[in-house]
All heavy atoms as atom14 arrays in JSON, in Angstrom:
{
  "sequence": "GGLPVALIEVSDRGQGVEAHLLPDQIFEPFSRPRLGNQQETGMGLA",
  "atom14_mask": [
    [1, 1, 1, 1, 0, 0, 0, 0, 0, 0, 0, 0, 0, 0],
    [1, 1, 1, 1, 0, 0, 0, 0, 0, 0, 0, 0, 0, 0],
    [1, 1, 1, 1, 1, 1, 1, 1, 0, 0, 0, 0, 0, 0],
    [1, 1, 1, 1, 1, 1, 1, 0, 0, 0, 0, 0, 0, 0],
    [1, 1, 1, 1, 1, 1, 1, 0, 0, 0, 0, 0, 0, 0],
    [1, 1, 1, 1, 1, 0, 0, 0, 0, 0, 0, 0, 0, 0],
    [1, 1, 1, 1, 1, 1, 1, 1, 0, 0, 0, 0, 0, 0],
    [1, 1, 1, 1, 1, 1, 1, 1, 0, 0, 0, 0, 0, 0],
    [1, 1, 1, 1, 1, 1, 1, 1, 1, 0, 0, 0, 0, 0],
    [1, 1, 1, 1, 1, 1, 1, 0, 0, 0, 0, 0, 0, 0],
    [1, 1, 1, 1, 1, 1, 0, 0, 0, 0, 0, 0, 0, 0],
    [1, 1, 1, 1, 1, 1, 1, 1, 0, 0, 0, 0, 0, 0],
    [1, 1, 1, 1, 1, 1, 1, 1, 1, 1, 1, 0, 0, 0],
    [1, 1, 1, 1, 0, 0, 0, 0, 0, 0, 0, 0, 0, 0],
    [1, 1, 1, 1, 1, 1, 1, 1, 1, 0, 0, 0, 0, 0],
    [1, 1, 1, 1, 0, 0, 0, 0, 0, 0, 0, 0, 0, 0],
    [1, 1, 1, 1, 1, 1, 1, 0, 0, 0, 0, 0, 0, 0],
    [1, 1, 1, 1, 1, 1, 1, 1, 1, 0, 0, 0, 0, 0],
    [1, 1, 1, 1, 1, 0, 0, 0, 0, 0, 0, 0, 0, 0],
    [1, 1, 1, 1, 1, 1, 1, 1, 1, 1, 0, 0, 0, 0],
    [1, 1, 1, 1, 1, 1, 1, 1, 0, 0, 0, 0, 0, 0],
    [1, 1, 1, 1, 1, 1, 1, 1, 0, 0, 0, 0, 0, 0],
    [1, 1, 1, 1, 1, 1, 1, 0, 0, 0, 0, 0, 0, 0],
    [1, 1, 1, 1, 1, 1, 1, 1, 0, 0, 0, 0, 0, 0],
    [1, 1, 1, 1, 1, 1, 1, 1, 1, 0, 0, 0, 0, 0],
    [1, 1, 1, 1, 1, 1, 1, 1, 0, 0, 0, 0, 0, 0],
    [1, 1, 1, 1, 1, 1, 1, 1, 1, 1, 1, 0, 0, 0],
    [1, 1, 1, 1, 1, 1, 1, 1, 1, 0, 0, 0, 0, 0],
    [1, 1, 1, 1, 1, 1, 1, 0, 0, 0, 0, 0, 0, 0],
    [1, 1, 1, 1, 1, 1, 1, 1, 1, 1, 1, 0, 0, 0],
    [1, 1, 1, 1, 1, 1, 0, 0, 0, 0, 0, 0, 0, 0],
    [1, 1, 1, 1, 1, 1, 1, 1, 1, 1, 1, 0, 0, 0],
    [1, 1, 1, 1, 1, 1, 1, 0, 0, 0, 0, 0, 0, 0],
    [1, 1, 1, 1, 1, 1, 1, 1, 1, 1, 1, 0, 0, 0],
    [1, 1, 1, 1, 1, 1, 1, 1, 0, 0, 0, 0, 0, 0],
    [1, 1, 1, 1, 0, 0, 0, 0, 0, 0, 0, 0, 0, 0],
    [1, 1, 1, 1, 1, 1, 1, 1, 0, 0, 0, 0, 0, 0],
    [1, 1, 1, 1, 1, 1, 1, 1, 1, 0, 0, 0, 0, 0],
    [1, 1, 1, 1, 1, 1, 1, 1, 1, 0, 0, 0, 0, 0],
    [1, 1, 1, 1, 1, 1, 1, 1, 1, 0, 0, 0, 0, 0],
    [1, 1, 1, 1, 1, 1, 1, 0, 0, 0, 0, 0, 0, 0],
    [1, 1, 1, 1, 0, 0, 0, 0, 0, 0, 0, 0, 0, 0],
    [1, 1, 1, 1, 1, 1, 1, 1, 0, 0, 0, 0, 0, 0],
    [1, 1, 1, 1, 0, 0, 0, 0, 0, 0, 0, 0, 0, 0],
    [1, 1, 1, 1, 1, 1, 1, 1, 0, 0, 0, 0, 0, 0],
    [1, 1, 1, 1, 1, 0, 0, 0, 0, 0, 0, 0, 0, 0]
  ],
  "atom14_positions": [
    [[6.85, 22.72, -2.45], [6.27, 24.0, -2.16], [7.22, 24.92, -1.47], [6.82, 25.7, -0.63], [0.0, 0.0, 0.0], [0.0, 0.0, 0.0], [0.0, 0.0, 0.0], [0.0, 0.0, 0.0], [0.0, 0.0, 0.0], [0.0, 0.0, 0.0], [0.0, 0.0, 0.0], [0.0, 0.0, 0.0], [0.0, 0.0, 0.0], [0.0, 0.0, 0.0]],
    [[8.49, 24.8, -1.81], [9.51, 25.63, -1.27], [10.0, 25.22, 0.13], [10.84, 25.88, 0.74], [0.0, 0.0, 0.0], [0.0, 0.0, 0.0], [0.0, 0.0, 0.0], [0.0, 0.0, 0.0], [0.0, 0.0, 0.0], [0.0, 0.0, 0.0], [0.0, 0.0, 0.0], [0.0, 0.0, 0.0], [0.0, 0.0, 0.0], [0.0, 0.0, 0.0]],
    [[9.47, 24.12, 0.65], [9.83, 23.65, 1.94], [10.6, 22.26, 1.82], [10.27, 21.48, 0.96], [8.63, 23.43, 2.84], [7.82, 24.7, 3.1], [6.56, 24.38, 3.8], [8.63, 25.72, 3.88], [0.0, 0.0, 0.0], [0.0, 0.0, 0.0], [0.0, 0.0, 0.0], [0.0, 0.0, 0.0], [0.0, 0.0, 0.0], [0.0, 0.0, 0.0]],
    [[11.6, 22.1, 2.71], [12.31, 20.79, 2.62], [11.43, 19.61, 3.09], [10.7, 19.74, 4.12], [13.49, 21.0, 3.53], [13.07, 22.09, 4.48], [12.14, 22.91, 3.72], [0.0, 0.0, 0.0], [0.0, 0.0, 0.0], [0.0, 0.0, 0.0], [0.0, 0.0, 0.0], [0.0, 0.0, 0.0], [0.0, 0.0, 0.0], [0.0, 0.0, 0.0]],
    [[11.56, 18.49, 2.39], [10.77, 17.32, 2.72], [11.74, 16.09, 2.69], [12.5, 16.0, 1.69], [9.64, 17.08, 1.7], [8.89, 15.84, 2.01], [8.71, 18.31, 1.75], [0.0, 0.0, 0.0], [0.0, 0.0, 0.0], [0.0, 0.0, 0.0], [0.0, 0.0, 0.0], [0.0, 0.0, 0.0], [0.0, 0.0, 0.0], [0.0, 0.0, 0.0]],
    [[11.71, 15.26, 3.62], [12.43, 14.0, 3.62], [11.59, 12.97, 2.93], [10.44, 12.82, 3.32], [12.82, 13.55, 5.05], [0.0, 0.0, 0.0], [0.0, 0.0, 0.0], [0.0, 0.0, 0.0], [0.0, 0.0, 0.0], [0.0, 0.0, 0.0], [0.0, 0.0, 0.0], [0.0, 0.0, 0.0], [0.0, 0.0, 0.0], [0.0, 0.0, 0.0]],
    [[12.19, 12.26, 1.97], [11.52, 11.09, 1.3], [12.14, 9.83, 1.72], [13.39, 9.69, 1.6], [11.58, 11.29, -0.18], [10.52, 12.1, -0.86], [10.71, 13.57, -0.58], [10.48, 11.84, -2.3], [0.0, 0.0, 0.0], [0.0, 0.0, 0.0], [0.0, 0.0, 0.0], [0.0, 0.0, 0.0], [0.0, 0.0, 0.0], [0.0, 0.0, 0.0]],
    [[11.36, 8.94, 2.15], [11.84, 7.57, 2.56], [11.11, 6.66, 1.57], [9.89, 6.63, 1.56], [11.53, 7.21, 4.03], [12.1, 8.24, 5.0], [12.0, 5.81, 4.34], [11.11, 9.07, 5.62], [0.0, 0.0, 0.0], [0.0, 0.0, 0.0], [0.0, 0.0, 0.0], [0.0, 0.0, 0.0], [0.0, 0.0, 0.0], [0.0, 0.0, 0.0]],
    [[11.88, 5.92, 0.8], [11.26, 4.99, -0.18], [11.72, 3.6, 0.06], [12.88, 3.33, 0.23], [11.67, 5.46, -1.58], [10.99, 4.69, -2.69], [11.3, 5.27, -4.07], [12.41, 4.99, -4.52], [10.48, 6.03, -4.61], [0.0, 0.0, 0.0], [0.0, 0.0, 0.0], [0.0, 0.0, 0.0], [0.0, 0.0, 0.0], [0.0, 0.0, 0.0]],
    [[10.76, 2.68, 0.11], [11.02, 1.25, 0.23], [10.53, 0.61, -1.03], [9.4, 0.68, -1.46], [10.26, 0.63, 1.5], [10.48, -0.82, 1.55], [10.65, 1.32, 2.74], [0.0, 0.0, 0.0], [0.0, 0.0, 0.0], [0.0, 0.0, 0.0], [0.0, 0.0, 0.0], [0.0, 0.0, 0.0], [0.0, 0.0, 0.0], [0.0, 0.0, 0.0]],
    [[11.49, -0.01, -1.72], [11.19, -0.61, -3.07], [11.53, -2.08, -3.05], [12.45, -2.52, -2.43], [12.01, 0.07, -4.17], [11.8, 1.44, -4.19], [0.0, 0.0, 0.0], [0.0, 0.0, 0.0], [0.0, 0.0, 0.0], [0.0, 0.0, 0.0], [0.0, 0.0, 0.0], [0.0, 0.0, 0.0], [0.0, 0.0, 0.0], [0.0, 0.0, 0.0]],
    [[10.72, -2.85, -3.84], [10.95, -4.29, -3.88], [10.59, -4.75, -5.26], [10.12, -3.95, -6.09], [10.13, -5.04, -2.87], [8.67, -4.95, -3.1], [8.12, -5.51, -4.08], [7.99, -4.27, -2.29], [0.0, 0.0, 0.0], [0.0, 0.0, 0.0], [0.0, 0.0, 0.0], [0.0, 0.0, 0.0], [0.0, 0.0, 0.0], [0.0, 0.0, 0.0]],
    [[10.87, -5.95, -5.59], [10.58, -6.58, -6.91], [9.59, -7.72, -6.81], [9.67, -8.69, -7.41], [11.87, -7.08, -7.58], [12.79, -5.96, -7.94], [13.93, -6.4, -8.78], [14.71, -5.29, -9.24], [14.54, -4.63, -10.38], [13.55, -4.96, -11.16], [15.29, -3.62, -10.69], [0.0, 0.0, 0.0], [0.0, 0.0, 0.0], [0.0, 0.0, 0.0]],
    [[8.56, -7.51, -5.93], [7.49, -8.45, -5.73], [6.49, -8.45, -6.75], [6.62, -7.91, -7.89], [0.0, 0.0, 0.0], [0.0, 0.0, 0.0], [0.0, 0.0, 0.0], [0.0, 0.0, 0.0], [0.0, 0.0, 0.0], [0.0, 0.0, 0.0], [0.0, 0.0, 0.0], [0.0, 0.0, 0.0], [0.0, 0.0, 0.0], [0.0, 0.0, 0.0]],
    [[5.3, -9.04, -6.44], [4.23, -9.24, -7.38], [3.67, -7.95, -7.91], [3.16, -7.86, -9.02], [3.08, -9.96, -6.68], [3.42, -11.34, -6.26], [2.21, -11.98, -5.54], [1.09, -11.52, -5.65], [2.44, -13.03, -4.81], [0.0, 0.0, 0.0], [0.0, 0.0, 0.0], [0.0, 0.0, 0.0], [0.0, 0.0, 0.0], [0.0, 0.0, 0.0]],
    [[3.69, -6.93, -7.14], [3.08, -5.7, -7.52], [1.65, -5.57, -7.15], [0.99, -6.57, -6.77], [0.0, 0.0, 0.0], [0.0, 0.0, 0.0], [0.0, 0.0, 0.0], [0.0, 0.0, 0.0], [0.0, 0.0, 0.0], [0.0, 0.0, 0.0], [0.0, 0.0, 0.0], [0.0, 0.0, 0.0], [0.0, 0.0, 0.0], [0.0, 0.0, 0.0]],
    [[1.13, -4.41, -7.19], [-0.27, -4.14, -6.83], [-1.09, -3.81, -8.03], [-0.6, -3.15, -8.99], [-0.31, -2.93, -5.86], [-1.7, -2.54, -5.49], [0.51, -3.18, -4.61], [0.0, 0.0, 0.0], [0.0, 0.0, 0.0], [0.0, 0.0, 0.0], [0.0, 0.0, 0.0], [0.0, 0.0, 0.0], [0.0, 0.0, 0.0], [0.0, 0.0, 0.0]],
    [[-2.33, -4.32, -8.08], [-3.17, -4.07, -9.22], [-3.4, -2.53, -9.34], [-3.59, -1.88, -8.33], [-4.53, -4.78, -9.12], [-4.36, -6.26, -9.1], [-4.3, -6.86, -7.72], [-4.06, -6.11, -6.74], [-4.59, -8.02, -7.51], [0.0, 0.0, 0.0], [0.0, 0.0, 0.0], [0.0, 0.0, 0.0], [0.0, 0.0, 0.0], [0.0, 0.0, 0.0]],
    [[-3.4, -2.01, -10.54], [-3.56, -0.55, -10.73], [-4.85, -0.01, -10.15], [-4.84, 1.11, -9.68], [-3.56, -0.26, -12.25], [0.0, 0.0, 0.0], [0.0, 0.0, 0.0], [0.0, 0.0, 0.0], [0.0, 0.0, 0.0], [0.0, 0.0, 0.0], [0.0, 0.0, 0.0], [0.0, 0.0, 0.0], [0.0, 0.0, 0.0], [0.0, 0.0, 0.0]],
    [[-5.93, -0.82, -10.1], [-7.21, -0.26, -9.58], [-7.14, -0.06, -8.07], [-7.95, 0.64, -7.47], [-8.36, -1.19, -9.93], [-8.4, -2.43, -9.19], [-7.67, -3.53, -9.55], [-9.09, -2.83, -8.07], [-7.89, -4.55, -8.71], [-8.74, -4.08, -7.83], [0.0, 0.0, 0.0], [0.0, 0.0, 0.0], [0.0, 0.0, 0.0], [0.0, 0.0, 0.0]],
    [[-6.08, -0.55, -7.38], [-5.94, -0.36, -5.93], [-5.12, 0.93, -5.61], [-5.05, 1.24, -4.45], [-5.31, -1.59, -5.33], [-6.14, -2.88, -5.36], [-5.33, -4.04, -4.85], [-7.47, -2.71, -4.67], [0.0, 0.0, 0.0], [0.0, 0.0, 0.0], [0.0, 0.0, 0.0], [0.0, 0.0, 0.0], [0.0, 0.0, 0.0], [0.0, 0.0, 0.0]],
    [[-4.56, 1.48, -6.63], [-3.73, 2.67, -6.46], [-4.59, 3.91, -6.73], [-5.5, 3.83, -7.6], [-2.5, 2.69, -7.37], [-1.52, 1.51, -7.08], [-0.47, 1.49, -8.19], [-0.9, 1.66, -5.78], [0.0, 0.0, 0.0], [0.0, 0.0, 0.0], [0.0, 0.0, 0.0], [0.0, 0.0, 0.0], [0.0, 0.0, 0.0], [0.0, 0.0, 0.0]],
    [[-4.43, 5.05, -6.13], [-3.34, 5.27, -5.17], [-3.73, 4.96, -3.74], [-2.82, 4.94, -2.92], [-3.1, 6.78, -5.39], [-4.44, 7.35, -5.7], [-5.13, 6.26, -6.54], [0.0, 0.0, 0.0], [0.0, 0.0, 0.0], [0.0, 0.0, 0.0], [0.0, 0.0, 0.0], [0.0, 0.0, 0.0], [0.0, 0.0, 0.0], [0.0, 0.0, 0.0]],
    [[-5.02, 4.86, -3.36], [-5.38, 4.85, -2.0], [-5.87, 3.54, -1.44], [-5.76, 3.31, -0.2], [-6.42, 5.91, -1.69], [-5.84, 7.34, -1.96], [-4.69, 7.57, -1.53], [-6.6, 8.11, -2.58], [0.0, 0.0, 0.0], [0.0, 0.0, 0.0], [0.0, 0.0, 0.0], [0.0, 0.0, 0.0], [0.0, 0.0, 0.0], [0.0, 0.0, 0.0]],
    [[-6.48, 2.7, -2.22], [-7.15, 1.51, -1.64], [-6.22, 0.6, -0.86], [-6.62, 0.0, 0.13], [-7.9, 0.75, -2.72], [-8.79, -0.33, -2.16], [-9.62, -1.01, -3.19], [-9.8, -0.5, -4.29], [-10.13, -2.15, -2.92], [0.0, 0.0, 0.0], [0.0, 0.0, 0.0], [0.0, 0.0, 0.0], [0.0, 0.0, 0.0], [0.0, 0.0, 0.0]],
    [[-4.97, 0.52, -1.26], [-4.08, -0.39, -0.54], [-3.75, 0.1, 0.9], [-3.23, -0.63, 1.69], [-2.77, -0.64, -1.28], [-1.92, 0.63, -1.38], [-3.03, -1.31, -2.65], [-0.49, 0.34, -1.85], [0.0, 0.0, 0.0], [0.0, 0.0, 0.0], [0.0, 0.0, 0.0], [0.0, 0.0, 0.0], [0.0, 0.0, 0.0], [0.0, 0.0, 0.0]],
    [[-4.04, 1.38, 1.2], [-3.83, 1.93, 2.48], [-5.07, 1.88, 3.4], [-5.05, 2.37, 4.51], [-3.37, 3.4, 2.39], [-2.05, 3.53, 1.65], [-1.95, 3.97, 0.38], [-0.89, 3.22, 2.28], [-0.78, 4.1, -0.28], [0.34, 3.31, 1.64], [0.35, 3.78, 0.36], [0.0, 0.0, 0.0], [0.0, 0.0, 0.0], [0.0, 0.0, 0.0]],
    [[-6.11, 1.18, 2.92], [-7.31, 0.97, 3.79], [-7.13, -0.22, 4.66], [-6.46, -1.15, 4.31], [-8.51, 0.79, 2.86], [-8.9, 1.99, 2.01], [-9.32, 3.16, 2.83], [-9.99, 2.97, 3.84], [-8.92, 4.31, 2.55], [0.0, 0.0, 0.0], [0.0, 0.0, 0.0], [0.0, 0.0, 0.0], [0.0, 0.0, 0.0], [0.0, 0.0, 0.0]],
    [[-7.71, -0.15, 5.87], [-7.6, -1.27, 6.77], [-8.08, -2.55, 6.13], [-9.09, -2.55, 5.4], [-8.46, -0.86, 7.97], [-8.53, 0.6, 7.91], [-8.46, 0.99, 6.5], [0.0, 0.0, 0.0], [0.0, 0.0, 0.0], [0.0, 0.0, 0.0], [0.0, 0.0, 0.0], [0.0, 0.0, 0.0], [0.0, 0.0, 0.0], [0.0, 0.0, 0.0]],
    [[-7.41, -3.67, 6.39], [-7.79, -5.01, 5.98], [-7.59, -5.19, 4.44], [-8.01, -6.22, 3.94], [-9.19, -5.42, 6.41], [-9.43, -5.17, 7.84], [-10.37, -4.19, 8.25], [-8.75, -5.87, 8.83], [-10.57, -3.99, 9.58], [-8.96, -5.63, 10.12], [-9.85, -4.72, 10.59], [0.0, 0.0, 0.0], [0.0, 0.0, 0.0], [0.0, 0.0, 0.0]],
    [[-6.9, -4.36, 3.81], [-6.66, -4.51, 2.36], [-5.46, -5.45, 2.2], [-4.41, -5.23, 2.77], [-6.26, -3.14, 1.71], [-5.93, -3.32, 0.38], [0.0, 0.0, 0.0], [0.0, 0.0, 0.0], [0.0, 0.0, 0.0], [0.0, 0.0, 0.0], [0.0, 0.0, 0.0], [0.0, 0.0, 0.0], [0.0, 0.0, 0.0], [0.0, 0.0, 0.0]],
    [[-5.61, -6.52, 1.43], [-4.56, -7.45, 1.15], [-4.52, -7.7, -0.35], [-5.12, -8.69, -0.8], [-4.76, -8.75, 1.94], [-4.64, -8.43, 3.43], [-3.86, -9.43, 4.2], [-2.83, -10.13, 3.58], [-2.38, -11.3, 4.03], [-2.95, -11.85, 5.06], [-1.4, -11.93, 3.45], [0.0, 0.0, 0.0], [0.0, 0.0, 0.0], [0.0, 0.0, 0.0]],
    [[-3.84, -6.91, -1.11], [-3.81, -7.1, -2.57], [-3.31, -8.51, -2.96], [-2.37, -9.0, -2.32], [-2.81, -6.03, -3.09], [-2.82, -5.03, -1.98], [-3.08, -5.76, -0.69], [0.0, 0.0, 0.0], [0.0, 0.0, 0.0], [0.0, 0.0, 0.0], [0.0, 0.0, 0.0], [0.0, 0.0, 0.0], [0.0, 0.0, 0.0], [0.0, 0.0, 0.0]],
    [[-4.03, -9.12, -3.89], [-3.63, -10.42, -4.42], [-3.86, -11.57, -3.39], [-3.51, -12.71, -3.65], [-2.2, -10.46, -4.96], [-2.02, -9.54, -6.11], [-0.65, -9.9, -6.84], [-0.23, -8.92, -7.68], [-0.57, -8.84, -8.96], [-1.38, -9.76, -9.48], [-0.15, -7.92, -9.76], [0.0, 0.0, 0.0], [0.0, 0.0, 0.0], [0.0, 0.0, 0.0]],
    [[-4.32, -11.29, -2.21], [-4.45, -12.35, -1.19], [-5.89, -12.47, -0.74], [-6.17, -13.14, 0.28], [-3.55, -12.07, 0.01], [-2.03, -12.07, -0.32], [-1.24, -11.72, 0.92], [-1.62, -13.42, -0.85], [0.0, 0.0, 0.0], [0.0, 0.0, 0.0], [0.0, 0.0, 0.0], [0.0, 0.0, 0.0], [0.0, 0.0, 0.0], [0.0, 0.0, 0.0]],
    [[-6.81, -11.86, -1.42], [-8.24, -12.03, -1.06], [-8.61, -11.11, 0.06], [-7.92, -10.27, 0.57], [0.0, 0.0, 0.0], [0.0, 0.0, 0.0], [0.0, 0.0, 0.0], [0.0, 0.0, 0.0], [0.0, 0.0, 0.0], [0.0, 0.0, 0.0], [0.0, 0.0, 0.0], [0.0, 0.0, 0.0], [0.0, 0.0, 0.0], [0.0, 0.0, 0.0]],
    [[-9.83, -11.34, 0.54], [-10.41, -10.48, 1.62], [-10.28, -11.19, 2.94], [-11.28, -11.75, 3.45], [-11.89, -10.21, 1.26], [-12.5, -9.16, 2.14], [-11.75, -8.45, 2.87], [-13.8, -9.1, 2.15], [0.0, 0.0, 0.0], [0.0, 0.0, 0.0], [0.0, 0.0, 0.0], [0.0, 0.0, 0.0], [0.0, 0.0, 0.0], [0.0, 0.0, 0.0]],
    [[-9.13, -11.21, 3.53], [-8.89, -11.83, 4.79], [-9.01, -10.79, 5.88], [-8.12, -9.9, 6.06], [-7.51, -12.51, 4.81], [-7.39, -13.56, 3.77], [-6.02, -14.15, 3.77], [-5.24, -13.96, 4.68], [-5.66, -14.92, 2.73], [0.0, 0.0, 0.0], [0.0, 0.0, 0.0], [0.0, 0.0, 0.0], [0.0, 0.0, 0.0], [0.0, 0.0, 0.0]],
    [[-10.05, -10.87, 6.65], [-10.38, -9.76, 7.59], [-9.47, -9.69, 8.79], [-9.42, -8.73, 9.52], [-11.85, -9.89, 8.07], [-12.87, -9.68, 6.93], [-12.69, -8.34, 6.26], [-12.71, -7.31, 6.98], [-12.68, -8.26, 4.96], [0.0, 0.0, 0.0], [0.0, 0.0, 0.0], [0.0, 0.0, 0.0], [0.0, 0.0, 0.0], [0.0, 0.0, 0.0]],
    [[-8.72, -10.75, 9.11], [-7.83, -10.73, 10.25], [-6.44, -10.1, 10.09], [-5.74, -9.95, 11.04], [-7.67, -12.18, 10.85], [-6.77, -13.01, 10.02], [-7.46, -13.7, 8.85], [-8.66, -13.44, 8.54], [-6.82, -14.54, 8.21], [0.0, 0.0, 0.0], [0.0, 0.0, 0.0], [0.0, 0.0, 0.0], [0.0, 0.0, 0.0], [0.0, 0.0, 0.0]],
    [[-6.2, -9.69, 8.85], [-4.86, -9.11, 8.58], [-5.06, -7.92, 7.58], [-6.11, -7.6, 7.2], [-3.91, -10.15, 7.96], [-4.51, -10.62, 6.77], [-3.66, -11.29, 8.91], [0.0, 0.0, 0.0], [0.0, 0.0, 0.0], [0.0, 0.0, 0.0], [0.0, 0.0, 0.0], [0.0, 0.0, 0.0], [0.0, 0.0, 0.0], [0.0, 0.0, 0.0]],
    [[-3.89, -7.3, 7.23], [-3.95, -6.25, 6.23], [-3.93, -4.91, 6.84], [-4.42, -3.96, 6.24], [0.0, 0.0, 0.0], [0.0, 0.0, 0.0], [0.0, 0.0, 0.0], [0.0, 0.0, 0.0], [0.0, 0.0, 0.0], [0.0, 0.0, 0.0], [0.0, 0.0, 0.0], [0.0, 0.0, 0.0], [0.0, 0.0, 0.0], [0.0, 0.0, 0.0]],
    [[-3.35, -4.73, 8.0], [-3.34, -3.4, 8.69], [-2.05, -2.67, 8.48], [-1.95, -1.47, 8.81], [-3.62, -3.56, 10.15], [-5.0, -4.05, 10.49], [-6.23, -2.86, 9.94], [-5.87, -1.46, 11.01], [0.0, 0.0, 0.0], [0.0, 0.0, 0.0], [0.0, 0.0, 0.0], [0.0, 0.0, 0.0], [0.0, 0.0, 0.0], [0.0, 0.0, 0.0]],
    [[-0.97, -3.28, 7.96], [0.34, -2.68, 7.92], [0.39, -1.35, 7.19], [0.89, -0.35, 7.76], [0.0, 0.0, 0.0], [0.0, 0.0, 0.0], [0.0, 0.0, 0.0], [0.0, 0.0, 0.0], [0.0, 0.0, 0.0], [0.0, 0.0, 0.0], [0.0, 0.0, 0.0], [0.0, 0.0, 0.0], [0.0, 0.0, 0.0], [0.0, 0.0, 0.0]],
    [[-0.15, -1.25, 6.01], [-0.09, -0.02, 5.25], [-1.08, 1.01, 5.8], [-0.82, 2.26, 5.7], [-0.35, -0.24, 3.73], [0.74, -1.03, 3.04], [0.36, -1.21, 1.55], [2.11, -0.23, 3.12], [0.0, 0.0, 0.0], [0.0, 0.0, 0.0], [0.0, 0.0, 0.0], [0.0, 0.0, 0.0], [0.0, 0.0, 0.0], [0.0, 0.0, 0.0]],
    [[-2.2, 0.54, 6.4], [-3.16, 1.53, 6.99], [-2.48, 2.17, 8.21], [-2.59, 3.35, 8.44], [-4.38, 0.78, 7.39], [0.0, 0.0, 0.0], [0.0, 0.0, 0.0], [0.0, 0.0, 0.0], [0.0, 0.0, 0.0], [0.0, 0.0, 0.0], [0.0, 0.0, 0.0], [0.0, 0.0, 0.0], [0.0, 0.0, 0.0], [0.0, 0.0, 0.0]]
  ]
}
């Protein structure tokens, strides 16, 4: 939009995220793609 923006990208060659979790669901609290619904973890991306 005509303004400078810094982009920080972290890339890996891991398992990947299921398409239905993109673009936003993986950023929800307690989301752990491919690891089930473990309520005690999954806060990093949130």
